[in-house]
Amino acid sequence: MGQINYDELLKYSVKLVEDNLKTVFSKLREEASSVSPLTYDIIEIASDYTLRGGKRLRAFLALVGYWSREWGSGDLATITNVMSGIELLQSYLLIHDDVMDRDELRRGGPTVHAWFRDKCLKEMKGDCVHYGDSQAITVGDYLEATAVEYISRANLPGETLRRLLETYSRGLRMVAYGQYLDVLLSNKPLGNVSERDVLLVHTLKTASYTIELPLHLGVIASGKYSEKILRELTSYAIPAGIAFQLRDDIIGLYGDPRQTGKPVGSDVRGKKKTLLVVKAYELGDHEVRRRLSEIYDVLRTNEVTQEHVKFIQEIVRETGSLEYNEELIKKHVENALKALEESKEISAQAVNILKWLLEKLAYREK
């Protein structure tokens, strides 16, 4: 095989999964209309939210995983359904995450709970905030059920399909543990949250789900998996995923909303204990700690202003926390690269693509 154009392969993967997702939503629209015209809003917002953007990183990794033993082999329809399933799962998790974080904007458009709330305010009476949250939870559950359906559509022998669904279910439980801890840490005093706590959340909520799970689902769906290649993919996925999340937190604090699709400082308003803030508290003097504790432990969410966000931006730089996080990203990138270089089972093409992707994950700007 000649030289692979990675950007073109990524575009191909995005088109493959998005074309399939459009077909998925077309079928769902038919199903919903046969139930009741009142259910149309479920499809309208679920489809818009899922198709309005996103990196399709997990779908791409599932494809790379599928070809990680033998590049370009296998049945494309099988992995396309798995790719669609992982993206439907992503929408489900993001919708629920938006409710928990009280975010209003996602991928340049309204979050699902905000969309339903605003629709309620225009067309109905009652507690529209609660209505929005309730319907967003329902849409998330709806998409997760659909994700399971498409994961299970993979045309695989019974034992392989069982392993695929078992891996999917365990991956989702890891996310749940991570999300639980994330919410818990958001409600603990800042001084009681450690770097170890934060990195555990990153491992469970991001690394195991965003990188490891799609790679594992892909290689299992190929039928060419072994315990050894699963371990090798994990050795890459965990440090790569942590680097990805650390970068995501930096972008969340300093990024341009026009590029990110989310308001700057939303993590601050959500009282999220990122490593940027935890390390700033650890490295800061008494006055820095006092002010950080006031923002994270005393103020209500709706009392956190843009001035508070600006203070966090400044103090993270001044204490050296930003530099520390950048160095930690570099360390995890080196560990992920080492895992690839020591791999015996992953194909050379997959190794090179995962190296290329690692650079994009760890050093992106949006």
Protein backbone atom coordinates (compact mmCIF):
# COMPACT_ATOMS: atom_id res chain seq x y z
CA MET A 1 0.00 0.00 0.00
CA GLY A 2 1.28 3.46 -0.87
CA GLN A 3 1.62 6.45 1.41
CA ILE A 4 -1.59 7.16 3.32
CA ASN A 5 -2.91 10.72 3.28
CA TYR A 6 -4.09 10.98 6.87
CA ASP A 7 -6.20 14.10 6.43
CA GLU A 8 -7.99 12.51 3.48
CA LEU A 9 -8.54 9.31 5.45
CA LEU A 10 -10.05 11.35 8.29
CA LYS A 11 -12.36 13.15 5.84
CA TYR A 12 -13.34 9.80 4.34
CA SER A 13 -14.14 8.46 7.81
CA VAL A 14 -16.23 11.54 8.66
CA LYS A 15 -18.22 11.26 5.42
CA LEU A 16 -18.72 7.53 5.91
CA VAL A 17 -20.18 7.90 9.38
CA GLU A 18 -22.20 11.04 8.69
CA ASP A 19 -23.83 9.54 5.60
CA ASN A 20 -24.77 6.53 7.70
CA LEU A 21 -26.05 8.70 10.54
CA LYS A 22 -28.33 10.54 8.13
CA THR A 23 -29.77 7.16 7.12
CA VAL A 24 -30.17 6.26 10.79
CA PHE A 25 -32.14 9.42 11.52
CA SER A 26 -34.24 8.98 8.40
CA LYS A 27 -35.32 5.55 9.67
CA LEU A 28 -35.92 6.93 13.15
CA ARG A 29 -38.06 9.70 11.69
CA GLU A 30 -40.26 7.09 10.03
CA GLU A 31 -40.51 5.14 13.27
CA ALA A 32 -41.38 8.20 15.34
CA SER A 33 -44.02 9.41 12.88
CA SER A 34 -45.72 6.03 13.07
CA VAL A 35 -45.93 6.42 16.86
CA SER A 36 -47.24 9.99 17.07
CA PRO A 37 -46.61 13.33 15.34
CA LEU A 38 -45.96 14.71 18.84
CA THR A 39 -42.69 12.75 18.98
CA TYR A 40 -41.22 14.68 16.03
CA ASP A 41 -39.24 17.01 18.34
CA ILE A 42 -37.16 14.05 19.55
CA ILE A 43 -35.85 13.39 16.05
CA GLU A 44 -35.54 17.05 15.09
CA ILE A 45 -33.22 17.98 17.94
CA ALA A 46 -31.43 14.61 18.18
CA SER A 47 -30.58 14.76 14.47
CA ASP A 48 -29.58 18.42 14.53
CA TYR A 49 -27.44 18.03 17.65
CA THR A 50 -25.64 14.95 16.31
CA LEU A 51 -25.11 16.18 12.75
CA ARG A 52 -24.34 19.86 13.36
CA GLY A 53 -20.64 19.21 13.93
CA GLY A 54 -18.09 17.37 16.00
CA LYS A 55 -14.68 15.94 15.24
CA ARG A 56 -15.96 12.34 14.74
CA LEU A 57 -12.77 11.35 16.55
CA ARG A 58 -14.28 8.23 18.09
CA ALA A 59 -15.67 7.01 14.77
CA PHE A 60 -12.26 7.50 13.17
CA LEU A 61 -10.55 5.60 15.98
CA ALA A 62 -13.02 2.74 15.57
CA LEU A 63 -12.03 2.56 11.89
CA VAL A 64 -8.31 2.64 12.78
CA GLY A 65 -8.95 -0.09 15.36
CA TYR A 66 -10.78 -2.17 12.74
CA TRP A 67 -7.72 -2.03 10.52
CA SER A 68 -5.16 -2.15 13.32
CA ARG A 69 -4.16 -5.76 12.61
CA GLU A 70 -4.61 -5.87 8.84
CA TRP A 71 -4.88 -2.51 7.14
CA GLY A 72 -7.79 -2.05 4.72
CA SER A 73 -9.33 -5.48 5.34
CA GLY A 74 -12.81 -6.55 6.39
CA ASP A 75 -16.40 -5.56 5.69
CA LEU A 76 -16.90 -1.79 5.63
CA ALA A 77 -20.62 -2.06 6.48
CA THR A 78 -19.77 -3.80 9.75
CA ILE A 79 -17.44 -1.09 11.01
CA THR A 80 -19.66 1.72 9.68
CA ASN A 81 -22.45 0.57 11.99
CA VAL A 82 -20.00 0.46 14.91
CA MET A 83 -18.75 3.95 14.01
CA SER A 84 -22.33 5.25 13.94
CA GLY A 85 -23.07 3.58 17.27
CA ILE A 86 -20.11 5.25 18.98
CA GLU A 87 -21.15 8.68 17.64
CA LEU A 88 -24.75 8.17 18.83
CA LEU A 89 -23.31 7.24 22.21
CA GLN A 90 -21.25 10.43 22.15
CA SER A 91 -24.37 12.54 21.57
CA TYR A 92 -26.15 10.77 24.42
CA LEU A 93 -23.30 11.47 26.84
CA LEU A 94 -22.90 15.09 25.73
CA ILE A 95 -26.62 15.80 26.09
CA HIS A 96 -26.62 14.55 29.68
CA ASP A 97 -23.29 16.29 30.36
CA ASP A 98 -24.76 19.59 29.14
CA VAL A 99 -27.64 19.23 31.62
CA MET A 100 -25.24 18.57 34.51
CA ASP A 101 -22.96 21.44 33.50
CA ARG A 102 -25.87 23.80 32.71
CA ASP A 103 -24.25 24.59 29.36
CA GLU A 104 -26.28 26.56 26.83
CA LEU A 105 -24.14 26.09 23.73
CA ARG A 106 -22.72 22.99 22.03
CA ARG A 107 -21.19 22.71 18.56
CA GLY A 108 -22.29 26.24 17.73
CA GLY A 109 -25.96 25.63 18.56
CA PRO A 110 -28.25 25.31 21.59
CA THR A 111 -27.86 22.38 23.93
CA VAL A 112 -30.83 20.02 23.95
CA HIS A 113 -32.17 21.10 27.33
CA ALA A 114 -31.89 24.76 26.29
CA TRP A 115 -33.69 24.01 22.99
CA PHE A 116 -36.61 22.34 24.77
CA ARG A 117 -36.73 25.03 27.47
CA ASP A 118 -36.94 27.81 24.90
CA LYS A 119 -39.56 25.92 22.89
CA CYS A 120 -41.59 25.50 26.08
CA LEU A 121 -41.33 29.22 26.85
CA LYS A 122 -42.71 30.06 23.39
CA GLU A 123 -45.43 27.42 23.12
CA MET A 124 -46.37 26.11 26.57
CA LYS A 125 -46.84 26.94 30.22
CA GLY A 126 -45.27 25.48 33.34
CA ASP A 127 -41.77 24.94 34.64
CA CYS A 128 -39.89 25.21 31.35
CA VAL A 129 -36.44 24.74 32.88
CA HIS A 130 -37.50 21.40 34.34
CA TYR A 131 -39.25 20.53 31.09
CA GLY A 132 -36.04 21.19 29.13
CA ASP A 133 -33.92 19.07 31.48
CA SER A 134 -36.45 16.23 31.47
CA GLN A 135 -36.77 16.04 27.70
CA ALA A 136 -32.99 16.25 27.25
CA ILE A 137 -32.59 13.22 29.52
CA THR A 138 -35.20 11.41 27.41
CA VAL A 139 -33.44 12.27 24.12
CA GLY A 140 -30.12 11.12 25.56
CA ASP A 141 -31.63 7.79 26.59
CA TYR A 142 -33.22 7.46 23.15
CA LEU A 143 -29.85 7.93 21.43
CA GLU A 144 -28.09 5.47 23.73
CA ALA A 145 -30.69 2.82 22.90
CA THR A 146 -30.11 3.49 19.21
CA ALA A 147 -26.33 3.28 19.73
CA VAL A 148 -26.72 -0.23 21.18
CA GLU A 149 -28.85 -1.24 18.20
CA TYR A 150 -26.24 -0.18 15.66
CA ILE A 151 -23.33 -1.64 17.61
CA SER A 152 -25.21 -4.94 17.67
CA ARG A 153 -25.90 -4.78 13.90
CA ALA A 154 -22.29 -5.72 13.21
CA ASN A 155 -22.40 -8.94 11.18
CA LEU A 156 -20.24 -11.01 13.52
CA PRO A 157 -20.11 -14.54 14.97
CA GLY A 158 -21.95 -14.90 18.28
CA GLU A 159 -18.90 -14.97 20.56
CA THR A 160 -17.31 -11.96 18.84
CA LEU A 161 -20.58 -10.01 19.04
CA ARG A 162 -20.88 -10.89 22.72
CA ARG A 163 -17.35 -9.56 23.35
CA LEU A 164 -18.17 -6.41 21.37
CA LEU A 165 -21.30 -5.65 23.43
CA GLU A 166 -19.55 -6.56 26.66
CA THR A 167 -16.73 -4.14 25.82
CA TYR A 168 -19.24 -1.42 24.89
CA SER A 169 -21.14 -1.89 28.17
CA ARG A 170 -18.01 -1.86 30.29
CA GLY A 171 -16.78 1.25 28.49
CA LEU A 172 -20.04 3.02 29.28
CA ARG A 173 -19.76 2.02 32.95
CA MET A 174 -16.24 3.50 33.07
CA VAL A 175 -17.68 6.78 31.77
CA ALA A 176 -20.37 6.63 34.46
CA TYR A 177 -17.74 6.18 37.18
CA GLY A 178 -15.80 9.10 35.74
CA GLN A 179 -18.87 11.32 35.45
CA TYR A 180 -19.90 10.46 39.00
CA LEU A 181 -16.47 11.42 40.31
CA ASP A 182 -16.43 14.58 38.18
CA VAL A 183 -19.72 15.77 39.68
CA LEU A 184 -18.56 14.74 43.16
CA LEU A 185 -15.31 16.69 42.84
CA SER A 186 -17.23 19.72 41.60
CA ASN A 187 -19.01 19.77 44.97
CA LYS A 188 -15.98 19.12 47.19
CA PRO A 189 -13.90 22.01 48.62
CA LEU A 190 -11.15 22.94 46.19
CA GLY A 191 -8.46 22.28 48.79
CA ASN A 192 -9.64 18.68 49.12
CA VAL A 193 -9.21 17.84 45.43
CA SER A 194 -5.84 16.43 44.37
CA GLU A 195 -4.06 16.00 41.06
CA ARG A 196 -4.56 12.26 41.45
CA ASP A 197 -8.33 12.77 41.73
CA VAL A 198 -8.43 14.82 38.55
CA LEU A 199 -6.29 12.41 36.55
CA LEU A 200 -8.47 9.49 37.61
CA VAL A 201 -11.50 11.31 36.20
CA HIS A 202 -9.59 11.97 32.98
CA THR A 203 -8.65 8.30 32.75
CA LEU A 204 -12.21 7.06 33.28
CA LYS A 205 -14.23 9.73 31.55
CA THR A 206 -12.00 10.63 28.63
CA ALA A 207 -9.11 8.26 27.99
CA SER A 208 -10.98 4.99 28.45
CA TYR A 209 -13.99 6.23 26.48
CA THR A 210 -12.67 8.62 23.85
CA ILE A 211 -9.58 6.66 22.78
CA GLU A 212 -9.53 3.15 24.26
CA LEU A 213 -13.17 2.14 23.72
CA PRO A 214 -13.42 2.95 19.99
CA LEU A 215 -10.05 1.31 19.29
CA HIS A 216 -11.14 -1.79 21.17
CA LEU A 217 -14.56 -1.90 19.52
CA GLY A 218 -12.90 -1.55 16.12
CA VAL A 219 -10.37 -4.33 16.55
CA ILE A 220 -12.94 -6.67 18.13
CA ALA A 221 -15.34 -6.02 15.23
CA SER A 222 -12.57 -7.04 12.83
CA GLY A 223 -12.51 -10.50 14.42
CA LYS A 224 -8.69 -10.31 14.39
CA TYR A 225 -8.24 -9.24 17.98
CA SER A 226 -6.15 -10.80 20.73
CA GLU A 227 -5.64 -9.91 24.38
CA LYS A 228 -2.18 -8.68 23.47
CA ILE A 229 -3.31 -6.13 20.88
CA LEU A 230 -6.03 -4.93 23.25
CA ARG A 231 -3.35 -4.29 25.90
CA GLU A 232 -1.11 -2.53 23.38
CA LEU A 233 -3.96 -0.26 22.29
CA THR A 234 -4.73 0.51 25.94
CA SER A 235 -1.08 1.42 26.60
CA TYR A 236 -1.41 4.06 23.87
CA ALA A 237 -4.97 5.12 24.60
CA ILE A 238 -4.73 6.05 28.28
CA PRO A 239 -1.83 8.55 28.08
CA ALA A 240 -3.13 9.87 24.74
CA GLY A 241 -6.58 10.40 26.27
CA ILE A 242 -5.22 12.17 29.33
CA ALA A 243 -3.17 14.48 27.09
CA PHE A 244 -6.31 15.13 25.03
CA GLN A 245 -8.35 16.07 28.12
CA LEU A 246 -5.63 18.27 29.61
CA ARG A 247 -5.52 20.14 26.30
CA ASP A 248 -9.32 20.32 26.29
CA ASP A 249 -9.27 22.01 29.70
CA ILE A 250 -6.71 24.56 28.49
CA ILE A 251 -8.85 25.29 25.43
CA GLY A 252 -11.91 25.58 27.68
CA LEU A 253 -10.21 28.29 29.73
CA TYR A 254 -8.43 30.18 26.96
CA GLY A 255 -10.00 29.12 23.66
CA ASP A 256 -11.94 31.24 21.19
CA PRO A 257 -15.69 30.46 21.40
CA ARG A 258 -15.94 31.04 17.64
CA GLN A 259 -13.64 28.04 17.19
CA THR A 260 -14.68 25.88 20.13
CA GLY A 261 -18.46 26.34 19.87
CA LYS A 262 -18.64 26.78 23.65
CA PRO A 263 -18.49 29.92 25.82
CA VAL A 264 -15.06 30.60 27.30
CA GLY A 265 -14.81 29.82 30.99
CA SER A 266 -17.81 27.49 31.12
CA ASP A 267 -15.77 25.10 33.30
CA VAL A 268 -15.20 27.91 35.79
CA ARG A 269 -18.91 28.74 35.92
CA GLY A 270 -19.63 25.06 36.38
CA LYS A 271 -17.18 24.88 39.32
CA LYS A 272 -15.26 22.15 37.50
CA LYS A 273 -12.04 21.31 39.32
CA THR A 274 -9.69 21.07 36.36
CA LEU A 275 -6.02 20.36 36.98
CA LEU A 276 -5.32 23.95 35.92
CA VAL A 277 -7.24 25.21 38.96
CA VAL A 278 -6.18 22.45 41.36
CA LYS A 279 -2.52 23.10 40.58
CA ALA A 280 -2.96 26.88 40.78
CA TYR A 281 -4.41 26.40 44.28
CA GLU A 282 -1.49 24.17 45.25
CA LEU A 283 1.15 26.54 43.87
CA GLY A 284 -0.50 29.82 44.88
CA ASP A 285 0.06 31.89 48.02
CA HIS A 286 -2.50 32.43 50.79
CA GLU A 287 -4.34 35.20 48.94
CA VAL A 288 -4.56 33.17 45.73
CA ARG A 289 -5.96 30.22 47.68
CA ARG A 290 -8.46 32.47 49.45
CA ARG A 291 -9.78 33.90 46.20
CA LEU A 292 -9.90 30.54 44.47
CA SER A 293 -11.76 29.05 47.43
CA GLU A 294 -14.24 31.94 47.31
CA ILE A 295 -15.00 31.30 43.63
CA TYR A 296 -15.18 27.51 43.83
CA ASP A 297 -16.49 26.94 47.37
CA VAL A 298 -18.60 29.99 48.29
CA LEU A 299 -20.14 31.62 45.23
CA ARG A 300 -23.21 30.11 43.61
CA THR A 301 -22.89 29.09 39.98
CA ASN A 302 -24.96 32.07 38.81
CA GLU A 303 -22.73 34.43 40.81
CA VAL A 304 -19.57 33.54 38.88
CA THR A 305 -18.90 36.41 36.49
CA GLN A 306 -16.64 37.08 33.55
CA GLU A 307 -14.31 38.92 35.95
CA HIS A 308 -13.91 35.71 37.94
CA VAL A 309 -13.11 33.84 34.74
CA LYS A 310 -10.52 36.47 33.87
CA PHE A 311 -8.95 36.12 37.32
CA ILE A 312 -8.69 32.34 36.88
CA GLN A 313 -7.09 32.81 33.46
CA GLU A 314 -4.49 35.14 34.94
CA ILE A 315 -3.72 33.17 38.09
CA VAL A 316 -3.33 29.88 36.22
CA ARG A 317 -0.57 31.55 34.19
CA GLU A 318 1.05 33.41 37.09
CA THR A 319 1.30 30.43 39.46
CA GLY A 320 2.94 28.25 36.82
CA SER A 321 -0.05 25.92 36.63
CA LEU A 322 -0.43 26.39 32.88
CA GLU A 323 3.23 25.54 32.34
CA TYR A 324 2.86 22.49 34.61
CA ASN A 325 -0.12 21.25 32.58
CA GLU A 326 1.78 21.76 29.33
CA GLU A 327 4.67 19.69 30.67
CA LEU A 328 2.27 16.98 31.80
CA ILE A 329 0.77 16.85 28.31
CA LYS A 330 4.26 16.41 26.90
CA LYS A 331 4.97 13.56 29.35
CA HIS A 332 1.80 11.69 28.40
CA VAL A 333 2.48 12.20 24.70
CA GLU A 334 5.92 10.63 25.20
CA ASN A 335 4.35 7.67 27.03
CA ALA A 336 1.82 7.13 24.24
CA LEU A 337 4.55 7.27 21.60
CA LYS A 338 6.65 4.79 23.57
CA ALA A 339 3.70 2.38 23.66
CA LEU A 340 3.37 2.55 19.87
CA GLU A 341 7.08 2.09 19.28
CA GLU A 342 7.13 -1.01 21.50
CA SER A 343 4.01 -2.51 19.91
CA LYS A 344 4.33 -5.91 18.26
CA GLU A 345 0.73 -6.46 17.17
CA ILE A 346 -0.46 -3.12 15.76
CA SER A 347 0.07 -2.74 11.99
CA ALA A 348 2.67 -0.24 10.79
CA GLN A 349 -0.03 1.86 9.06
CA ALA A 350 -2.10 2.04 12.24
CA VAL A 351 0.96 2.95 14.33
CA ASN A 352 1.79 5.84 12.00
CA ILE A 353 -1.78 7.13 11.98
CA LEU A 354 -2.02 6.93 15.77
CA LYS A 355 1.23 8.93 16.03
CA TRP A 356 -0.18 11.56 13.67
CA LEU A 357 -3.45 11.66 15.58
CA LEU A 358 -1.67 11.98 18.92
CA GLU A 359 -0.10 15.24 17.76
CA LYS A 360 -3.52 16.55 16.73
CA LEU A 361 -5.12 15.51 20.03
CA ALA A 362 -2.48 16.94 22.33
CA TYR A 363 -1.59 20.16 20.54
CA ARG A 364 -4.82 21.29 18.88
CA GLU A 365 -6.37 24.75 19.29
CA LYS A 366 -10.05 23.78 19.30
